Amino acid sequence: MQLVGVYRNCICKAGIRYALPGNRAYGTVRVSTDNVDHRNSAMDWMGIGITGISFVGVLSVWGWLYQARIRARCKTLVENL
C-alpha cells in the first residue's frame, strides 16, 4: 500500500491529497491508533518488564543456592550424629 501511495510512512497516515478541495489538499488522515507517547511508554514498560523478570530470576537463583546450602548443612549435621 505504501508503494501505491495510500500510506505515506510507517506511522500509517493515509494521504488524501487529491480528495480534499482547495488549501486543505495536503491534509492527512490518521489511520493508526498509536502515537509517539504510546510507543515511548511501550519502551518504558519493556524495560520495567525486563527488570522484573531479571529480579525474579536473581531471587530464584539465590533461593536455590540457599536451599542447597541448608541441605548440605543438614546432611553434615545428620552425618555427625
Protein backbone atom coordinates (compact mmCIF):
# COMPACT_ATOMS: atom_id res chain seq x y z
CA MET A 1 0.00 0.00 0.00
CA GLN A 2 2.92 2.36 0.59
CA LEU A 3 4.15 1.82 -2.96
CA VAL A 4 0.78 2.86 -4.36
CA GLY A 5 0.72 5.95 -2.15
CA VAL A 6 -2.12 5.09 0.18
CA TYR A 7 0.19 5.05 3.21
CA ARG A 8 2.96 7.60 3.45
CA ASN A 9 5.20 6.22 6.18
CA CYS A 10 5.44 3.69 8.98
CA ILE A 11 3.10 5.74 11.19
CA CYS A 12 0.30 4.82 8.78
CA LYS A 13 -1.06 8.19 7.77
CA ALA A 14 -3.15 7.92 4.64
CA GLY A 15 -2.53 10.63 2.06
CA ILE A 16 -5.74 12.20 0.81
CA ARG A 17 -4.08 15.00 -1.12
CA TYR A 18 -6.41 14.71 -4.08
CA ALA A 19 -9.65 14.10 -2.18
CA LEU A 20 -9.90 17.45 -0.40
CA PRO A 21 -10.60 20.74 -2.15
CA GLY A 22 -8.56 23.94 -2.04
CA ASN A 23 -5.94 24.71 0.58
CA ARG A 24 -6.72 21.52 2.51
CA ALA A 25 -5.23 19.43 -0.28
CA TYR A 26 -2.27 18.40 1.85
CA GLY A 27 -4.30 17.07 4.77
CA THR A 28 -3.72 13.67 6.29
CA VAL A 29 -5.99 11.18 7.97
CA ARG A 30 -4.60 9.30 10.93
CA VAL A 31 -5.32 5.61 10.43
CA SER A 32 -3.27 4.25 13.31
CA THR A 33 -4.33 4.40 16.94
CA ASP A 34 -0.82 4.59 18.37
CA ASN A 35 1.29 7.71 18.59
CA VAL A 36 4.70 8.72 19.88
CA ASP A 37 3.56 8.71 23.52
CA HIS A 38 2.25 5.16 23.21
CA ARG A 39 5.47 4.00 21.60
CA ASN A 40 7.61 5.68 24.26
CA SER A 41 5.55 4.19 27.07
CA ALA A 42 5.79 0.78 25.41
CA MET A 43 9.58 1.07 25.53
CA ASP A 44 9.41 2.09 29.20
CA TRP A 45 7.19 -0.87 30.05
CA MET A 46 9.54 -3.17 28.15
CA GLY A 47 12.40 -2.03 30.37
CA ILE A 48 10.29 -2.44 33.50
CA GLY A 49 9.29 -5.94 32.40
CA ILE A 50 12.87 -6.97 31.73
CA THR A 51 13.90 -5.58 35.12
CA GLY A 52 11.10 -7.50 36.85
CA ILE A 53 11.93 -10.78 35.13
CA SER A 54 15.61 -10.31 35.96
CA PHE A 55 14.75 -9.61 39.60
CA VAL A 56 12.63 -12.76 39.86
CA GLY A 57 15.41 -14.76 38.18
CA VAL A 58 18.04 -13.48 40.61
CA LEU A 59 15.76 -14.26 43.56
CA SER A 60 15.17 -17.76 42.21
CA VAL A 61 18.89 -18.46 41.86
CA TRP A 62 19.53 -17.03 45.33
CA GLY A 63 16.76 -19.22 46.79
CA TRP A 64 18.11 -22.30 45.05
CA LEU A 65 21.64 -21.64 46.38
CA TYR A 66 20.27 -21.02 49.87
CA GLN A 67 18.33 -24.30 49.89
CA ALA A 68 21.38 -26.17 48.57
CA ARG A 69 23.46 -24.67 51.40
CA ILE A 70 20.85 -25.60 54.00
CA ARG A 71 20.61 -29.13 52.57
CA ALA A 72 24.38 -29.60 52.73
CA ARG A 73 24.45 -28.24 56.27
CA CYS A 74 21.63 -30.55 57.35
CA LYS A 75 23.40 -33.52 55.74
CA THR A 76 26.59 -32.66 57.64
CA LEU A 77 24.68 -32.40 60.93
CA VAL A 78 22.95 -35.76 60.37
CA GLU A 79 26.25 -37.48 59.50
CA ASN A 80 27.86 -36.11 62.68
CA LEU A 81 25.18 -37.72 64.86
